[in-house]
Amino acid sequence: MAPVTELTVGQVAARSGVAVSALHFYETRGLIRSHRTAGNQRRYGRDVLRRVAIIKVAQEVGISLAEISAALESLPEGRTPTREDWNLLSTAWRDSLDQKISQLKKLRDGLTDCIGCGCMSIDKCPLRNKGDRLASEGTGARRLLVER
């Protein structure tokens, strides 16, 4: 029996663990490609399984679909991405991830002194009231006040 070279959308969904609707979405965004049979059914090359795996991992770590799309465009069409391809893609994303990690740490550390709502006019709040700029508007929770 010859190895299967093309997969149906259901087969790709089952093998990749991604919903059919997500595969259709990825396809409309240009992340993956299929072709249509004479009966107008989608067929995917086997390389799509590795591409979907890359998409899932990249999304899990916070890479945007736009960044994923640009990265996948750099790969040859119809060829299963290799370990070397993954190394190139992940290296390119590393700086972006490092920057996001730094921003998240700063946000996390800034929340330590936050009273929860993020809208109080306190001088310690670097998130919503940096430098206590709301103090010039009056006392209290300036962001909660409704001007009458």
C-alpha atoms as a PDB file:
ATOM      1  CA  MET A   1       0.000   0.000   0.000  1.00  0.00           C
ATOM      2  CA  ALA A   2       1.457   3.362  -1.060  1.00  0.00           C
ATOM      3  CA  PRO A   3       1.861   6.038   1.617  1.00  0.00           C
ATOM      4  CA  VAL A   4      -0.868   8.668   1.682  1.00  0.00           C
ATOM      5  CA  THR A   5       0.462  11.885   0.151  1.00  0.00           C
ATOM      6  CA  GLU A   6      -2.674  13.988   0.582  1.00  0.00           C
ATOM      7  CA  LEU A   7      -4.909  14.398   3.598  1.00  0.00           C
ATOM      8  CA  THR A   8      -8.504  15.479   4.009  1.00  0.00           C
ATOM      9  CA  VAL A   9      -9.330  18.328   6.360  1.00  0.00           C
ATOM     10  CA  GLY A  10     -10.736  15.770   8.815  1.00  0.00           C
ATOM     11  CA  GLN A  11      -7.515  13.764   8.725  1.00  0.00           C
ATOM     12  CA  VAL A  12      -5.431  16.883   9.315  1.00  0.00           C
ATOM     13  CA  ALA A  13      -7.694  17.867  12.211  1.00  0.00           C
ATOM     14  CA  ALA A  14      -7.458  14.411  13.772  1.00  0.00           C
ATOM     15  CA  ARG A  15      -3.685  14.121  13.357  1.00  0.00           C
ATOM     16  CA  SER A  16      -2.870  17.683  14.440  1.00  0.00           C
ATOM     17  CA  GLY A  17      -5.377  18.091  17.267  1.00  0.00           C
ATOM     18  CA  VAL A  18      -6.677  21.294  15.688  1.00  0.00           C
ATOM     19  CA  ALA A  19     -10.366  21.858  14.948  1.00  0.00           C
ATOM     20  CA  VAL A  20     -11.501  21.862  11.332  1.00  0.00           C
ATOM     21  CA  SER A  21     -12.708  25.446  11.803  1.00  0.00           C
ATOM     22  CA  ALA A  22      -9.210  26.476  12.935  1.00  0.00           C
ATOM     23  CA  LEU A  23      -7.695  24.845   9.845  1.00  0.00           C
ATOM     24  CA  HIS A  24     -10.107  26.773   7.651  1.00  0.00           C
ATOM     25  CA  PHE A  25      -9.157  29.960   9.514  1.00  0.00           C
ATOM     26  CA  TYR A  26      -5.437  29.253   9.069  1.00  0.00           C
ATOM     27  CA  GLU A  27      -6.049  28.710   5.397  1.00  0.00           C
ATOM     28  CA  THR A  28      -7.946  31.979   4.947  1.00  0.00           C
ATOM     29  CA  ARG A  29      -5.037  33.744   6.686  1.00  0.00           C
ATOM     30  CA  GLY A  30      -2.556  32.111   4.291  1.00  0.00           C
ATOM     31  CA  LEU A  31      -0.797  30.096   7.005  1.00  0.00           C
ATOM     32  CA  ILE A  32      -1.513  26.772   5.301  1.00  0.00           C
ATOM     33  CA  ARG A  33      -2.599  25.810   1.801  1.00  0.00           C
ATOM     34  CA  SER A  34      -4.793  23.182   0.241  1.00  0.00           C
ATOM     35  CA  HIS A  35      -6.051  22.421  -3.208  1.00  0.00           C
ATOM     36  CA  ARG A  36      -9.476  21.275  -4.354  1.00  0.00           C
ATOM     37  CA  THR A  37     -10.307  17.942  -5.894  1.00  0.00           C
ATOM     38  CA  ALA A  38     -12.610  17.567  -8.893  1.00  0.00           C
ATOM     39  CA  GLY A  39     -15.370  17.047  -6.294  1.00  0.00           C
ATOM     40  CA  ASN A  40     -14.440  20.407  -4.656  1.00  0.00           C
ATOM     41  CA  GLN A  41     -13.016  18.805  -1.515  1.00  0.00           C
ATOM     42  CA  ARG A  42      -9.957  20.223   0.244  1.00  0.00           C
ATOM     43  CA  ARG A  43      -6.764  18.193   0.160  1.00  0.00           C
ATOM     44  CA  TYR A  44      -3.611  19.018   2.073  1.00  0.00           C
ATOM     45  CA  GLY A  45      -0.053  17.880   1.530  1.00  0.00           C
ATOM     46  CA  ARG A  46       1.540  16.004   4.421  1.00  0.00           C
ATOM     47  CA  ASP A  47       3.789  19.008   5.102  1.00  0.00           C
ATOM     48  CA  VAL A  48       0.752  20.792   6.553  1.00  0.00           C
ATOM     49  CA  LEU A  49       1.005  18.670   9.713  1.00  0.00           C
ATOM     50  CA  ARG A  50       4.406  20.144  10.592  1.00  0.00           C
ATOM     51  CA  ARG A  51       3.242  23.633   9.630  1.00  0.00           C
ATOM     52  CA  VAL A  52       0.213  23.325  11.929  1.00  0.00           C
ATOM     53  CA  ALA A  53       2.498  22.102  14.729  1.00  0.00           C
ATOM     54  CA  ILE A  54       4.675  25.188  14.244  1.00  0.00           C
ATOM     55  CA  ILE A  55       1.594  27.435  14.315  1.00  0.00           C
ATOM     56  CA  LYS A  56       0.341  25.828  17.539  1.00  0.00           C
ATOM     57  CA  VAL A  57       3.686  26.122  19.331  1.00  0.00           C
ATOM     58  CA  ALA A  58       4.229  29.693  18.170  1.00  0.00           C
ATOM     59  CA  GLN A  59       0.751  30.758  19.280  1.00  0.00           C
ATOM     60  CA  GLU A  60       1.247  29.053  22.642  1.00  0.00           C
ATOM     61  CA  VAL A  61       4.269  31.259  23.372  1.00  0.00           C
ATOM     62  CA  GLY A  62       2.537  34.435  22.204  1.00  0.00           C
ATOM     63  CA  ILE A  63       3.736  34.885  18.635  1.00  0.00           C
ATOM     64  CA  SER A  64       1.113  36.758  16.619  1.00  0.00           C
ATOM     65  CA  LEU A  65      -0.496  35.213  13.552  1.00  0.00           C
ATOM     66  CA  ALA A  66       1.044  37.991  11.453  1.00  0.00           C
ATOM     67  CA  GLU A  67       4.531  37.027  12.672  1.00  0.00           C
ATOM     68  CA  ILE A  68       3.795  33.342  12.132  1.00  0.00           C
ATOM     69  CA  SER A  69       2.542  34.032   8.621  1.00  0.00           C
ATOM     70  CA  ALA A  70       5.648  36.019   7.715  1.00  0.00           C
ATOM     71  CA  ALA A  71       7.866  33.254   9.071  1.00  0.00           C
ATOM     72  CA  LEU A  72       6.036  30.491   7.215  1.00  0.00           C
ATOM     73  CA  GLU A  73       6.286  32.468   3.976  1.00  0.00           C
ATOM     74  CA  SER A  74      10.057  32.123   4.247  1.00  0.00           C
ATOM     75  CA  LEU A  75       9.773  28.334   3.948  1.00  0.00           C
ATOM     76  CA  PRO A  76       9.609  26.518   0.620  1.00  0.00           C
ATOM     77  CA  GLU A  77       6.040  25.619  -0.344  1.00  0.00           C
ATOM     78  CA  GLY A  78       5.141  21.951  -0.263  1.00  0.00           C
ATOM     79  CA  ARG A  79       8.205  20.851   1.703  1.00  0.00           C
ATOM     80  CA  THR A  80       7.880  19.606   5.253  1.00  0.00           C
ATOM     81  CA  PRO A  81       9.645  22.098   7.546  1.00  0.00           C
ATOM     82  CA  THR A  82      12.849  20.651   8.963  1.00  0.00           C
ATOM     83  CA  ARG A  83      14.632  20.982  12.301  1.00  0.00           C
ATOM     84  CA  GLU A  84      16.873  23.570  10.637  1.00  0.00           C
ATOM     85  CA  ASP A  85      13.794  25.530   9.513  1.00  0.00           C
ATOM     86  CA  TRP A  86      12.491  25.474  13.088  1.00  0.00           C
ATOM     87  CA  ASN A  87      15.845  26.698  14.403  1.00  0.00           C
ATOM     88  CA  LEU A  88      15.741  29.639  11.987  1.00  0.00           C
ATOM     89  CA  LEU A  89      12.147  30.520  12.875  1.00  0.00           C
ATOM     90  CA  SER A  90      12.580  30.195  16.635  1.00  0.00           C
ATOM     91  CA  THR A  91      15.805  32.195  16.589  1.00  0.00           C
ATOM     92  CA  ALA A  92      14.056  34.997  14.719  1.00  0.00           C
ATOM     93  CA  TRP A  93      11.288  35.014  17.335  1.00  0.00           C
ATOM     94  CA  ARG A  94      13.643  34.940  20.319  1.00  0.00           C
ATOM     95  CA  ASP A  95      14.208  38.722  20.508  1.00  0.00           C
ATOM     96  CA  SER A  96      10.489  39.403  20.289  1.00  0.00           C
ATOM     97  CA  LEU A  97       9.805  36.847  23.014  1.00  0.00           C
ATOM     98  CA  ASP A  98      12.535  38.286  25.242  1.00  0.00           C
ATOM     99  CA  GLN A  99      10.968  41.740  24.890  1.00  0.00           C
ATOM    100  CA  LYS A 100       7.504  40.378  25.743  1.00  0.00           C
ATOM    101  CA  ILE A 101       8.899  38.515  28.746  1.00  0.00           C
ATOM    102  CA  SER A 102      10.547  41.707  29.964  1.00  0.00           C
ATOM    103  CA  GLN A 103       7.285  43.648  29.552  1.00  0.00           C
ATOM    104  CA  LEU A 104       5.311  40.962  31.383  1.00  0.00           C
ATOM    105  CA  LYS A 105       7.811  40.924  34.265  1.00  0.00           C
ATOM    106  CA  LYS A 106       7.556  44.691  34.533  1.00  0.00           C
ATOM    107  CA  LEU A 107       3.767  44.471  34.544  1.00  0.00           C
ATOM    108  CA  ARG A 108       3.795  41.665  37.124  1.00  0.00           C
ATOM    109  CA  ASP A 109       6.189  43.560  39.388  1.00  0.00           C
ATOM    110  CA  GLY A 110       4.146  46.751  39.007  1.00  0.00           C
ATOM    111  CA  LEU A 111       0.993  44.974  40.102  1.00  0.00           C
ATOM    112  CA  THR A 112       2.500  44.148  43.482  1.00  0.00           C
ATOM    113  CA  ASP A 113       1.639  47.611  44.779  1.00  0.00           C
ATOM    114  CA  CYS A 114      -1.594  47.909  42.823  1.00  0.00           C
ATOM    115  CA  ILE A 115      -4.788  47.949  44.880  1.00  0.00           C
ATOM    116  CA  GLY A 116      -6.575  45.887  42.258  1.00  0.00           C
ATOM    117  CA  CYS A 117      -8.642  48.225  40.150  1.00  0.00           C
ATOM    118  CA  GLY A 118      -5.791  50.142  38.532  1.00  0.00           C
ATOM    119  CA  CYS A 119      -7.704  53.399  38.594  1.00  0.00           C
ATOM    120  CA  MET A 120      -6.866  54.921  41.970  1.00  0.00           C
ATOM    121  CA  SER A 121      -4.954  58.165  42.038  1.00  0.00           C
ATOM    122  CA  ILE A 122      -2.021  56.977  44.093  1.00  0.00           C
ATOM    123  CA  ASP A 123       1.559  58.029  43.640  1.00  0.00           C
ATOM    124  CA  LYS A 124       2.892  54.457  43.587  1.00  0.00           C
ATOM    125  CA  CYS A 125       0.923  53.304  40.535  1.00  0.00           C
ATOM    126  CA  PRO A 126       3.302  53.158  37.552  1.00  0.00           C
ATOM    127  CA  LEU A 127       0.603  51.597  35.396  1.00  0.00           C
ATOM    128  CA  ARG A 128      -2.263  54.073  35.472  1.00  0.00           C
ATOM    129  CA  ASN A 129      -0.915  57.142  37.273  1.00  0.00           C
ATOM    130  CA  LYS A 130       2.775  57.436  36.574  1.00  0.00           C
ATOM    131  CA  GLY A 131       4.297  60.318  38.503  1.00  0.00           C
ATOM    132  CA  ASP A 132       0.943  60.903  40.267  1.00  0.00           C
ATOM    133  CA  ARG A 133      -0.227  63.064  37.353  1.00  0.00           C
ATOM    134  CA  LEU A 134      -3.892  62.626  38.382  1.00  0.00           C
ATOM    135  CA  ALA A 135      -3.241  64.490  41.636  1.00  0.00           C
ATOM    136  CA  SER A 136      -3.457  67.761  39.712  1.00  0.00           C
ATOM    137  CA  GLU A 137      -7.129  66.934  38.963  1.00  0.00           C
ATOM    138  CA  GLY A 138      -8.118  66.512  42.615  1.00  0.00           C
ATOM    139  CA  THR A 139      -8.192  63.908  45.353  1.00  0.00           C
ATOM    140  CA  GLY A 140      -9.548  60.362  45.418  1.00  0.00           C
ATOM    141  CA  ALA A 141     -10.168  57.846  42.704  1.00  0.00           C
ATOM    142  CA  ARG A 142     -10.156  60.228  39.750  1.00  0.00           C
ATOM    143  CA  ARG A 143     -10.809  57.544  37.151  1.00  0.00           C
ATOM    144  CA  LEU A 144     -13.903  56.347  38.966  1.00  0.00           C
ATOM    145  CA  LEU A 145     -15.488  59.778  39.375  1.00  0.00           C
ATOM    146  CA  VAL A 146     -18.274  60.754  37.042  1.00  0.00           C
ATOM    147  CA  GLU A 147     -18.215  64.491  36.425  1.00  0.00           C
ATOM    148  CA  ARG A 148     -21.600  66.089  37.021  1.00  0.00           C
END
